[in-house]
Amino acid sequence: MREDGTLGTVEWAVAGRALPGQRVSGDRSVVLDAGDGSVLFAVLDGLGHGAAAADAADRAAQVLADNRAEPLDVLMVLCHRAMSDTRGAAVSLVLFGGEDQVHWLGVGNVESRVLAIGPGKPEVRATALLTGGIVGYLLPPNLQAQTVAIRPGDVLLMSTDGIVNDFVDTLDLARPTADIADDILTCHGKDTDDALVLAARHRGPSTGTP
């Protein structure tokens, strides 16, 4: 599965696949216009793989689509309630604002990072702090989103645990996000799990100011 597009100031792309031998993946991505120049990204990893994992992820994806303007902590609680009779999922949410900031919140092991082009290799500018738990089964108390700065040209990367996470040094962040996501999936996807990666580049202010 491969998708890409632009929303506001953001160029984005997703690449994913099911566990080899399976027809359906339990990994899902969500890309939504959240209003006021913001974009809501989510990567969902249904527990395990196959149809039951896909059902859990699909429940959360629908909740996000229906409630995209809500704060991230509220969205996480709504996903938790919607998946209460499923296997549950790891869920990471990122609100890509138009004010050179990202707000993120993660429960489980879907990783989110902001990278910048460095002098020799990409620089990891920020990594989301993930909270242990399974959305739909065990939601931690006191959910609190983090806010980090993001500059034009920076790239947000979100990946499920079906991606080996030591890929940063090999990336060419000057390439289109579709190529970045595809290369990560092709070169670093595990053969033992569903796998999905989302890449999003901040292209600069929407005001047209140089």
C-alpha atoms as a PDB file:
ATOM      1  CA  MET A   1       0.000   0.000   0.000  1.00  0.00           C
ATOM      2  CA  ARG A   2       1.374   3.378  -1.046  1.00  0.00           C
ATOM      3  CA  GLU A   3      -0.258   6.803  -0.831  1.00  0.00           C
ATOM      4  CA  ASP A   4       1.002  10.372  -1.048  1.00  0.00           C
ATOM      5  CA  GLY A   5      -0.255  13.927  -1.327  1.00  0.00           C
ATOM      6  CA  THR A   6      -0.101  17.448   0.052  1.00  0.00           C
ATOM      7  CA  LEU A   7      -2.229  19.205   2.668  1.00  0.00           C
ATOM      8  CA  GLY A   8      -1.561  22.842   3.439  1.00  0.00           C
ATOM      9  CA  THR A   9       2.147  23.241   4.134  1.00  0.00           C
ATOM     10  CA  VAL A  10       2.764  19.491   4.350  1.00  0.00           C
ATOM     11  CA  GLU A  11       3.955  17.003   1.725  1.00  0.00           C
ATOM     12  CA  TRP A  12       3.241  13.458   2.932  1.00  0.00           C
ATOM     13  CA  ALA A  13       3.522   9.830   1.869  1.00  0.00           C
ATOM     14  CA  VAL A  14       2.764   6.408   3.338  1.00  0.00           C
ATOM     15  CA  ALA A  15       4.189   3.000   2.443  1.00  0.00           C
ATOM     16  CA  GLY A  16       2.982  -0.199   4.087  1.00  0.00           C
ATOM     17  CA  ARG A  17       2.433  -3.919   3.588  1.00  0.00           C
ATOM     18  CA  ALA A  18       0.976  -6.921   5.375  1.00  0.00           C
ATOM     19  CA  LEU A  19       2.998  -9.682   6.971  1.00  0.00           C
ATOM     20  CA  PRO A  20       4.158 -11.893   4.086  1.00  0.00           C
ATOM     21  CA  GLY A  21       1.528 -14.566   3.535  1.00  0.00           C
ATOM     22  CA  GLN A  22      -1.310 -12.438   4.950  1.00  0.00           C
ATOM     23  CA  ARG A  23      -3.973 -10.731   2.849  1.00  0.00           C
ATOM     24  CA  VAL A  24      -4.695  -7.847   5.208  1.00  0.00           C
ATOM     25  CA  SER A  25      -2.480  -5.627   7.356  1.00  0.00           C
ATOM     26  CA  GLY A  26      -3.256  -4.513  10.894  1.00  0.00           C
ATOM     27  CA  ASP A  27      -1.171  -1.361  10.368  1.00  0.00           C
ATOM     28  CA  ARG A  28      -3.063   1.764   9.325  1.00  0.00           C
ATOM     29  CA  SER A  29      -2.281   5.398   8.582  1.00  0.00           C
ATOM     30  CA  VAL A  30      -4.646   8.339   8.845  1.00  0.00           C
ATOM     31  CA  VAL A  31      -4.082  11.729   7.199  1.00  0.00           C
ATOM     32  CA  LEU A  32      -6.780  14.333   7.878  1.00  0.00           C
ATOM     33  CA  ASP A  33      -7.308  18.042   7.367  1.00  0.00           C
ATOM     34  CA  ALA A  34      -7.874  19.190  10.959  1.00  0.00           C
ATOM     35  CA  GLY A  35      -8.799  22.774  10.060  1.00  0.00           C
ATOM     36  CA  ASP A  36      -7.009  26.096  10.599  1.00  0.00           C
ATOM     37  CA  GLY A  37      -4.064  24.961   8.498  1.00  0.00           C
ATOM     38  CA  SER A  38      -3.397  21.888  10.636  1.00  0.00           C
ATOM     39  CA  VAL A  39      -3.012  18.268   9.560  1.00  0.00           C
ATOM     40  CA  LEU A  40      -3.715  15.277  11.803  1.00  0.00           C
ATOM     41  CA  PHE A  41      -1.516  12.246  11.225  1.00  0.00           C
ATOM     42  CA  ALA A  42      -2.022   8.913  12.931  1.00  0.00           C
ATOM     43  CA  VAL A  43      -0.293   5.563  12.657  1.00  0.00           C
ATOM     44  CA  LEU A  44      -2.157   2.609  14.176  1.00  0.00           C
ATOM     45  CA  ASP A  45      -0.740  -0.865  14.781  1.00  0.00           C
ATOM     46  CA  GLY A  46      -3.434  -3.403  15.644  1.00  0.00           C
ATOM     47  CA  LEU A  47      -2.162  -5.973  18.115  1.00  0.00           C
ATOM     48  CA  GLY A  48      -0.835  -9.023  16.270  1.00  0.00           C
ATOM     49  CA  HIS A  49      -1.705  -9.263  12.588  1.00  0.00           C
ATOM     50  CA  GLY A  50      -4.453 -10.385  10.240  1.00  0.00           C
ATOM     51  CA  ALA A  51      -8.175  -9.544  10.208  1.00  0.00           C
ATOM     52  CA  ALA A  52      -8.560  -9.044  13.977  1.00  0.00           C
ATOM     53  CA  ALA A  53      -5.681  -6.554  14.071  1.00  0.00           C
ATOM     54  CA  ALA A  54      -7.113  -4.769  11.029  1.00  0.00           C
ATOM     55  CA  ASP A  55     -10.520  -4.479  12.703  1.00  0.00           C
ATOM     56  CA  ALA A  56      -9.009  -2.770  15.739  1.00  0.00           C
ATOM     57  CA  ALA A  57      -7.069  -0.315  13.594  1.00  0.00           C
ATOM     58  CA  ASP A  58     -10.094   0.410  11.394  1.00  0.00           C
ATOM     59  CA  ARG A  59     -12.207   1.266  14.462  1.00  0.00           C
ATOM     60  CA  ALA A  60      -9.658   3.842  15.574  1.00  0.00           C
ATOM     61  CA  ALA A  61      -9.273   5.262  12.077  1.00  0.00           C
ATOM     62  CA  GLN A  62     -13.016   5.900  11.859  1.00  0.00           C
ATOM     63  CA  VAL A  63     -13.081   7.597  15.257  1.00  0.00           C
ATOM     64  CA  LEU A  64     -10.280   9.931  14.184  1.00  0.00           C
ATOM     65  CA  ALA A  65     -12.052  10.797  10.940  1.00  0.00           C
ATOM     66  CA  ASP A  66     -15.251  11.616  12.830  1.00  0.00           C
ATOM     67  CA  ASN A  67     -13.586  13.667  15.600  1.00  0.00           C
ATOM     68  CA  ARG A  68     -10.526  15.203  13.933  1.00  0.00           C
ATOM     69  CA  ALA A  69     -10.883  18.626  15.581  1.00  0.00           C
ATOM     70  CA  GLU A  70     -10.664  17.235  19.125  1.00  0.00           C
ATOM     71  CA  PRO A  71      -7.445  17.542  21.216  1.00  0.00           C
ATOM     72  CA  LEU A  72      -5.037  14.632  20.968  1.00  0.00           C
ATOM     73  CA  ASP A  73      -5.705  13.319  24.468  1.00  0.00           C
ATOM     74  CA  VAL A  74      -9.452  13.293  23.800  1.00  0.00           C
ATOM     75  CA  LEU A  75      -8.887  11.478  20.511  1.00  0.00           C
ATOM     76  CA  MET A  76      -6.840   8.832  22.308  1.00  0.00           C
ATOM     77  CA  VAL A  77      -9.634   8.237  24.833  1.00  0.00           C
ATOM     78  CA  LEU A  78     -12.225   8.008  22.054  1.00  0.00           C
ATOM     79  CA  CYS A  79     -10.076   5.448  20.213  1.00  0.00           C
ATOM     80  CA  HIS A  80      -9.717   3.498  23.451  1.00  0.00           C
ATOM     81  CA  ARG A  81     -13.473   3.318  23.918  1.00  0.00           C
ATOM     82  CA  ALA A  82     -14.096   2.337  20.290  1.00  0.00           C
ATOM     83  CA  MET A  83     -11.613  -0.539  20.504  1.00  0.00           C
ATOM     84  CA  SER A  84     -12.717  -1.867  23.894  1.00  0.00           C
ATOM     85  CA  ASP A  85     -13.992  -5.148  22.417  1.00  0.00           C
ATOM     86  CA  THR A  86     -11.067  -5.640  20.015  1.00  0.00           C
ATOM     87  CA  ARG A  87      -7.442  -6.704  20.394  1.00  0.00           C
ATOM     88  CA  GLY A  88      -6.486  -3.053  20.777  1.00  0.00           C
ATOM     89  CA  ALA A  89      -3.669  -1.208  19.084  1.00  0.00           C
ATOM     90  CA  ALA A  90      -0.604   0.937  19.488  1.00  0.00           C
ATOM     91  CA  VAL A  91      -1.593   4.469  18.485  1.00  0.00           C
ATOM     92  CA  SER A  92       0.532   7.525  17.756  1.00  0.00           C
ATOM     93  CA  LEU A  93      -1.094  10.865  16.906  1.00  0.00           C
ATOM     94  CA  VAL A  94       0.629  13.939  15.496  1.00  0.00           C
ATOM     95  CA  LEU A  95      -0.993  17.317  14.890  1.00  0.00           C
ATOM     96  CA  PHE A  96       1.104  19.183  12.347  1.00  0.00           C
ATOM     97  CA  GLY A  97       0.219  22.820  13.026  1.00  0.00           C
ATOM     98  CA  GLY A  98       0.628  25.784  10.754  1.00  0.00           C
ATOM     99  CA  GLU A  99       2.674  27.608  13.414  1.00  0.00           C
ATOM    100  CA  ASP A 100       5.949  25.666  12.975  1.00  0.00           C
ATOM    101  CA  GLN A 101       5.065  23.199  15.729  1.00  0.00           C
ATOM    102  CA  VAL A 102       4.011  19.594  16.000  1.00  0.00           C
ATOM    103  CA  HIS A 103       2.010  18.195  18.894  1.00  0.00           C
ATOM    104  CA  TRP A 104       2.259  14.458  19.449  1.00  0.00           C
ATOM    105  CA  LEU A 105       0.992  11.742  21.722  1.00  0.00           C
ATOM    106  CA  GLY A 106       1.732   8.024  21.569  1.00  0.00           C
ATOM    107  CA  VAL A 107       0.620   4.910  23.446  1.00  0.00           C
ATOM    108  CA  GLY A 108       2.473   1.740  22.488  1.00  0.00           C
ATOM    109  CA  ASN A 109       5.412   1.302  20.169  1.00  0.00           C
ATOM    110  CA  VAL A 110       4.679   3.385  17.061  1.00  0.00           C
ATOM    111  CA  GLU A 111       7.692   5.695  16.844  1.00  0.00           C
ATOM    112  CA  SER A 112       7.575   9.356  15.785  1.00  0.00           C
ATOM    113  CA  ARG A 113      10.609  11.506  15.036  1.00  0.00           C
ATOM    114  CA  VAL A 114      11.402  14.881  13.482  1.00  0.00           C
ATOM    115  CA  LEU A 115      14.516  14.867  11.311  1.00  0.00           C
ATOM    116  CA  ALA A 116      16.511  17.633   9.658  1.00  0.00           C
ATOM    117  CA  ILE A 117      19.125  17.548   6.926  1.00  0.00           C
ATOM    118  CA  GLY A 118      22.516  17.501   8.645  1.00  0.00           C
ATOM    119  CA  PRO A 119      26.057  18.177   7.404  1.00  0.00           C
ATOM    120  CA  GLY A 120      26.795  14.473   6.867  1.00  0.00           C
ATOM    121  CA  LYS A 121      23.728  12.508   7.837  1.00  0.00           C
ATOM    122  CA  PRO A 122      20.195  13.375   8.994  1.00  0.00           C
ATOM    123  CA  GLU A 123      19.874  14.952  12.423  1.00  0.00           C
ATOM    124  CA  VAL A 124      17.186  13.708  14.792  1.00  0.00           C
ATOM    125  CA  ARG A 125      15.751  16.941  16.180  1.00  0.00           C
ATOM    126  CA  ALA A 126      13.050  15.404  18.381  1.00  0.00           C
ATOM    127  CA  THR A 127      11.651  11.989  19.319  1.00  0.00           C
ATOM    128  CA  ALA A 128       8.189  11.442  20.754  1.00  0.00           C
ATOM    129  CA  LEU A 129       8.027  10.082  24.292  1.00  0.00           C
ATOM    130  CA  LEU A 130       5.859   6.967  24.097  1.00  0.00           C
ATOM    131  CA  THR A 131       3.699   5.746  26.967  1.00  0.00           C
ATOM    132  CA  GLY A 132       3.287   2.039  27.644  1.00  0.00           C
ATOM    133  CA  GLY A 133      -0.118   0.486  27.165  1.00  0.00           C
ATOM    134  CA  ILE A 134      -2.548  -0.881  24.573  1.00  0.00           C
ATOM    135  CA  VAL A 135      -5.265   1.455  23.354  1.00  0.00           C
ATOM    136  CA  GLY A 136      -8.540  -0.420  23.723  1.00  0.00           C
ATOM    137  CA  TYR A 137      -7.255  -2.554  26.603  1.00  0.00           C
ATOM    138  CA  LEU A 138      -5.000  -0.607  28.974  1.00  0.00           C
ATOM    139  CA  LEU A 139      -4.853   3.159  28.608  1.00  0.00           C
ATOM    140  CA  PRO A 140      -2.399   4.982  30.885  1.00  0.00           C
ATOM    141  CA  PRO A 141      -3.728   7.837  33.056  1.00  0.00           C
ATOM    142  CA  ASN A 142      -2.786  11.492  32.622  1.00  0.00           C
ATOM    143  CA  LEU A 143      -2.264  11.509  28.881  1.00  0.00           C
ATOM    144  CA  GLN A 144      -0.397  14.650  27.893  1.00  0.00           C
ATOM    145  CA  ALA A 145       0.682  15.682  24.406  1.00  0.00           C
ATOM    146  CA  GLN A 146       4.153  17.076  23.789  1.00  0.00           C
ATOM    147  CA  THR A 147       4.907  20.086  21.605  1.00  0.00           C
ATOM    148  CA  VAL A 148       8.118  20.457  19.595  1.00  0.00           C
ATOM    149  CA  ALA A 149       9.305  23.020  17.069  1.00  0.00           C
ATOM    150  CA  ILE A 150       9.599  22.100  13.406  1.00  0.00           C
ATOM    151  CA  ARG A 151      11.307  24.097  10.660  1.00  0.00           C
ATOM    152  CA  PRO A 152      10.674  24.250   6.918  1.00  0.00           C
ATOM    153  CA  GLY A 153      12.426  21.282   5.329  1.00  0.00           C
ATOM    154  CA  ASP A 154      12.167  19.092   8.432  1.00  0.00           C
ATOM    155  CA  VAL A 155      10.644  15.642   7.990  1.00  0.00           C
ATOM    156  CA  LEU A 156       8.318  13.825  10.384  1.00  0.00           C
ATOM    157  CA  LEU A 157       8.716  10.036  10.317  1.00  0.00           C
ATOM    158  CA  MET A 158       6.232   7.658  11.978  1.00  0.00           C
ATOM    159  CA  SER A 159       6.809   3.895  11.855  1.00  0.00           C
ATOM    160  CA  THR A 160       5.300   0.734  13.315  1.00  0.00           C
ATOM    161  CA  ASP A 161       7.400  -1.971  14.961  1.00  0.00           C
ATOM    162  CA  GLY A 162       7.423  -3.839  11.644  1.00  0.00           C
ATOM    163  CA  ILE A 163      10.157  -1.386  10.607  1.00  0.00           C
ATOM    164  CA  VAL A 164      13.693  -1.869  11.920  1.00  0.00           C
ATOM    165  CA  ASN A 165      14.311   1.489  13.577  1.00  0.00           C
ATOM    166  CA  ASP A 166      17.996   2.046  12.753  1.00  0.00           C
ATOM    167  CA  PHE A 167      17.338   3.522   9.303  1.00  0.00           C
ATOM    168  CA  VAL A 168      17.982   7.207  10.002  1.00  0.00           C
ATOM    169  CA  ASP A 169      21.641   7.401   8.962  1.00  0.00           C
ATOM    170  CA  THR A 170      20.899   6.020   5.482  1.00  0.00           C
ATOM    171  CA  LEU A 171      18.149   8.492   4.564  1.00  0.00           C
ATOM    172  CA  ASP A 172      18.375  11.186   1.898  1.00  0.00           C
ATOM    173  CA  LEU A 173      15.940  13.777   3.209  1.00  0.00           C
ATOM    174  CA  ALA A 174      16.229  15.861   0.035  1.00  0.00           C
ATOM    175  CA  ARG A 175      14.204  13.239  -1.845  1.00  0.00           C
ATOM    176  CA  PRO A 176      10.388  13.354  -2.132  1.00  0.00           C
ATOM    177  CA  THR A 177       8.557  11.906   0.850  1.00  0.00           C
ATOM    178  CA  ALA A 178       7.145   9.142  -1.363  1.00  0.00           C
ATOM    179  CA  ASP A 179      10.685   7.946  -2.105  1.00  0.00           C
ATOM    180  CA  ILE A 180      11.716   8.247   1.560  1.00  0.00           C
ATOM    181  CA  ALA A 181       8.774   6.140   2.772  1.00  0.00           C
ATOM    182  CA  ASP A 182       9.193   3.567   0.011  1.00  0.00           C
ATOM    183  CA  ASP A 183      12.923   3.155   0.669  1.00  0.00           C
ATOM    184  CA  ILE A 184      12.392   2.696   4.421  1.00  0.00           C
ATOM    185  CA  LEU A 185       9.734   0.028   3.847  1.00  0.00           C
ATOM    186  CA  THR A 186      11.760  -1.781   1.185  1.00  0.00           C
ATOM    187  CA  CYS A 187      15.092  -1.761   3.009  1.00  0.00           C
ATOM    188  CA  HIS A 188      14.018  -1.918   6.661  1.00  0.00           C
ATOM    189  CA  GLY A 189      10.663  -3.719   6.777  1.00  0.00           C
ATOM    190  CA  LYS A 190      10.662  -6.930   8.830  1.00  0.00           C
ATOM    191  CA  ASP A 191       9.458 -10.202   7.309  1.00  0.00           C
ATOM    192  CA  THR A 192       7.892 -11.198  10.645  1.00  0.00           C
ATOM    193  CA  ASP A 193       5.220  -8.498  10.989  1.00  0.00           C
ATOM    194  CA  ASP A 194       3.001  -5.988   9.233  1.00  0.00           C
ATOM    195  CA  ALA A 195       4.971  -2.839   8.436  1.00  0.00           C
ATOM    196  CA  LEU A 196       4.115   0.797   7.739  1.00  0.00           C
ATOM    197  CA  VAL A 197       5.966   4.113   7.599  1.00  0.00           C
ATOM    198  CA  LEU A 198       4.636   7.650   7.152  1.00  0.00           C
ATOM    199  CA  ALA A 199       6.834  10.564   6.061  1.00  0.00           C
ATOM    200  CA  ALA A 200       5.699  14.215   6.126  1.00  0.00           C
ATOM    201  CA  ARG A 201       7.741  17.287   5.168  1.00  0.00           C
ATOM    202  CA  HIS A 202       7.088  20.811   6.393  1.00  0.00           C
ATOM    203  CA  ARG A 203       7.304  22.845   3.202  1.00  0.00           C
ATOM    204  CA  GLY A 204       7.221  26.278   4.798  1.00  0.00           C
ATOM    205  CA  PRO A 205       4.683  28.921   5.811  1.00  0.00           C
ATOM    206  CA  SER A 206       1.373  28.992   4.000  1.00  0.00           C
ATOM    207  CA  THR A 207       1.358  32.798   3.951  1.00  0.00           C
ATOM    208  CA  GLY A 208       3.709  32.953   0.977  1.00  0.00           C
ATOM    209  CA  THR A 209       6.223  35.034   2.954  1.00  0.00           C
ATOM    210  CA  PRO A 210       9.787  34.370   1.735  1.00  0.00           C
END
